[in-house]
Amino acid sequence: SLVLDQVQTFLPQMAQANEKLRKEMAAAPPGRFNIEDIDGALGKVIQMDVALFEMNQAESKEEDSSEESSQDSSEDSSESEGEDDSTSSEVTIDNIKLPHSEDGKGKIEVLDSPASKKKK
C-alpha cells in the first residue's frame, strides 16, 4: 500500500537523523540540547503541555458507576462539606484522574499569532 511504502521510506531517514543527533549530543557541551532551557533560544519557541494516558472501556464504565454511587452517598451524608479527603492521599500514576472532553477531542488555543496582530 502507499502508506506502508511511505513509512518504509521514512524509517531509515528517521534512523539516520537519530544517529546524527546522538553524535552531535556526544560532542556538544552539556545542556546544549536541553529542550527546557529556552533562554538562549533563537527565534520563536513553542511551549506545549501534553498528557498521555491509556484507559480501556472497562475502567471507564467502572469509574462512571463509582462516581454516580459516590455522588448518591455524598448527597445523603451530612459530614462537613469543607473537607476533601482526596487531598490527603498521595497522587500517583495509578490514582490520578484527568479531565476529558465530551467529544473526545483536545482543545488547541492560540494565544498570540502574527495573523491576529495583522487584523488589529
Protein backbone atom coordinates (compact mmCIF):
# COMPACT_ATOMS: atom_id res chain seq x y z
CA SER A 1 0.00 0.00 0.00
CA LEU A 2 1.02 3.62 -0.44
CA VAL A 3 1.13 4.37 3.28
CA LEU A 4 3.31 1.34 4.00
CA ASP A 5 5.75 2.41 1.27
CA GLN A 6 5.93 5.92 2.75
CA VAL A 7 6.59 4.53 6.22
CA GLN A 8 9.29 2.18 4.93
CA THR A 9 10.96 5.14 3.19
CA PHE A 10 10.66 7.36 6.26
CA LEU A 11 12.01 4.94 8.88
CA PRO A 12 15.59 4.80 7.51
CA GLN A 13 15.63 8.60 7.31
CA MET A 14 14.48 8.76 10.92
CA ALA A 15 17.19 6.30 11.97
CA GLN A 16 19.85 8.40 10.22
CA ALA A 17 18.59 11.58 11.88
CA ASN A 18 18.62 9.88 15.31
CA GLU A 19 22.20 8.68 14.78
CA LYS A 20 23.30 12.15 13.68
CA LEU A 21 21.66 13.65 16.78
CA ARG A 22 23.37 11.09 19.06
CA LYS A 23 26.77 12.05 17.61
CA GLU A 24 26.05 15.79 17.97
CA MET A 25 24.89 15.28 21.57
CA ALA A 26 28.06 13.32 22.41
CA ALA A 27 30.28 16.09 21.01
CA ALA A 28 28.28 19.07 22.33
CA PRO A 29 28.75 20.68 25.74
CA PRO A 30 26.30 19.61 28.48
CA GLY A 31 22.98 21.43 28.29
CA ARG A 32 23.29 22.23 24.57
CA PHE A 33 20.30 20.04 23.74
CA ASN A 34 18.24 20.83 26.85
CA ILE A 35 14.76 21.49 25.46
CA GLU A 36 13.66 23.07 28.73
CA ASP A 37 16.29 25.84 28.52
CA ILE A 38 14.73 28.47 26.24
CA ASP A 39 16.70 31.49 27.47
CA GLY A 40 19.29 31.23 24.71
CA ALA A 41 16.83 30.15 22.04
CA LEU A 42 17.00 31.84 18.68
CA GLY A 43 13.68 32.64 17.09
CA LYS A 44 10.25 31.62 18.25
CA VAL A 45 9.58 28.98 20.89
CA ILE A 46 6.52 26.74 21.09
CA GLN A 47 5.51 25.63 24.57
CA MET A 48 3.24 22.62 24.93
CA ASP A 49 1.84 20.85 27.97
CA VAL A 50 1.00 17.31 26.99
CA ALA A 51 -0.55 14.49 29.00
CA LEU A 52 -0.91 10.96 27.70
CA PHE A 53 -2.70 8.10 29.38
CA GLU A 54 -4.43 4.91 28.38
CA MET A 55 -7.85 3.97 29.64
CA ASN A 56 -9.79 0.99 28.39
CA GLN A 57 -13.59 0.81 28.21
CA ALA A 58 -13.96 -1.41 31.28
CA GLU A 59 -12.15 1.10 33.51
CA SER A 60 -14.21 3.95 32.08
CA LYS A 61 -17.52 2.23 32.89
CA GLU A 62 -16.31 1.34 36.41
CA GLU A 63 -15.34 4.96 37.07
CA ASP A 64 -18.68 6.26 35.82
CA SER A 65 -20.64 3.88 38.08
CA SER A 66 -18.40 4.57 41.09
CA GLU A 67 -18.78 8.33 40.57
CA GLU A 68 -22.57 8.00 40.47
CA SER A 69 -22.66 5.91 43.64
CA SER A 70 -20.30 8.28 45.44
CA GLN A 71 -22.48 11.24 44.43
CA ASP A 72 -25.58 9.48 45.75
CA SER A 73 -23.92 8.65 49.05
CA SER A 74 -22.50 12.15 49.43
CA GLU A 75 -25.95 13.68 48.97
CA ASP A 76 -27.27 11.58 51.86
CA SER A 77 -24.26 12.28 54.04
CA SER A 78 -24.21 15.27 56.36
CA GLU A 79 -20.46 15.30 57.03
CA SER A 80 -18.51 18.54 56.83
CA GLU A 81 -18.58 19.73 53.24
CA GLY A 82 -15.47 21.90 53.60
CA GLU A 83 -13.07 18.95 53.78
CA ASP A 84 -11.88 16.95 50.78
CA ASP A 85 -10.47 13.52 51.62
CA SER A 86 -8.84 13.14 48.20
CA THR A 87 -6.23 15.81 49.02
CA SER A 88 -4.86 13.84 51.96
CA SER A 89 -3.56 10.91 49.88
CA GLU A 90 -0.58 10.91 47.55
CA VAL A 91 -1.30 11.33 43.84
CA THR A 92 0.26 8.59 41.74
CA ILE A 93 0.05 7.46 38.14
CA ASP A 94 -2.44 4.79 39.27
CA ASN A 95 -4.94 7.08 41.01
CA ILE A 96 -4.75 10.35 39.05
CA LYS A 97 -7.92 11.27 37.20
CA LEU A 98 -7.58 13.63 34.27
CA PRO A 99 -10.45 15.59 32.74
CA HIS A 100 -11.69 14.54 29.35
CA SER A 101 -13.84 16.41 26.88
CA GLU A 102 -17.28 15.25 25.83
CA ASP A 103 -16.38 14.80 22.15
CA GLY A 104 -13.02 13.14 22.88
CA LYS A 105 -11.05 15.81 21.04
CA GLY A 106 -8.47 18.09 22.59
CA LYS A 107 -8.61 21.85 22.55
CA ILE A 108 -5.97 23.98 20.87
CA GLU A 109 -5.94 27.60 21.90
CA VAL A 110 -3.83 30.14 20.01
CA LEU A 111 -2.76 32.80 22.49
CA ASP A 112 -0.88 35.09 20.15
CA SER A 113 -0.07 34.81 16.47
CA PRO A 114 1.19 37.10 13.67
CA ALA A 115 -2.16 36.73 11.87
CA SER A 116 -4.06 38.13 14.86
CA LYS A 117 -1.71 41.12 15.03
CA LYS A 118 -2.29 41.95 11.34
CA LYS A 119 -6.07 42.07 11.84
CA LYS A 120 -5.78 44.79 14.51
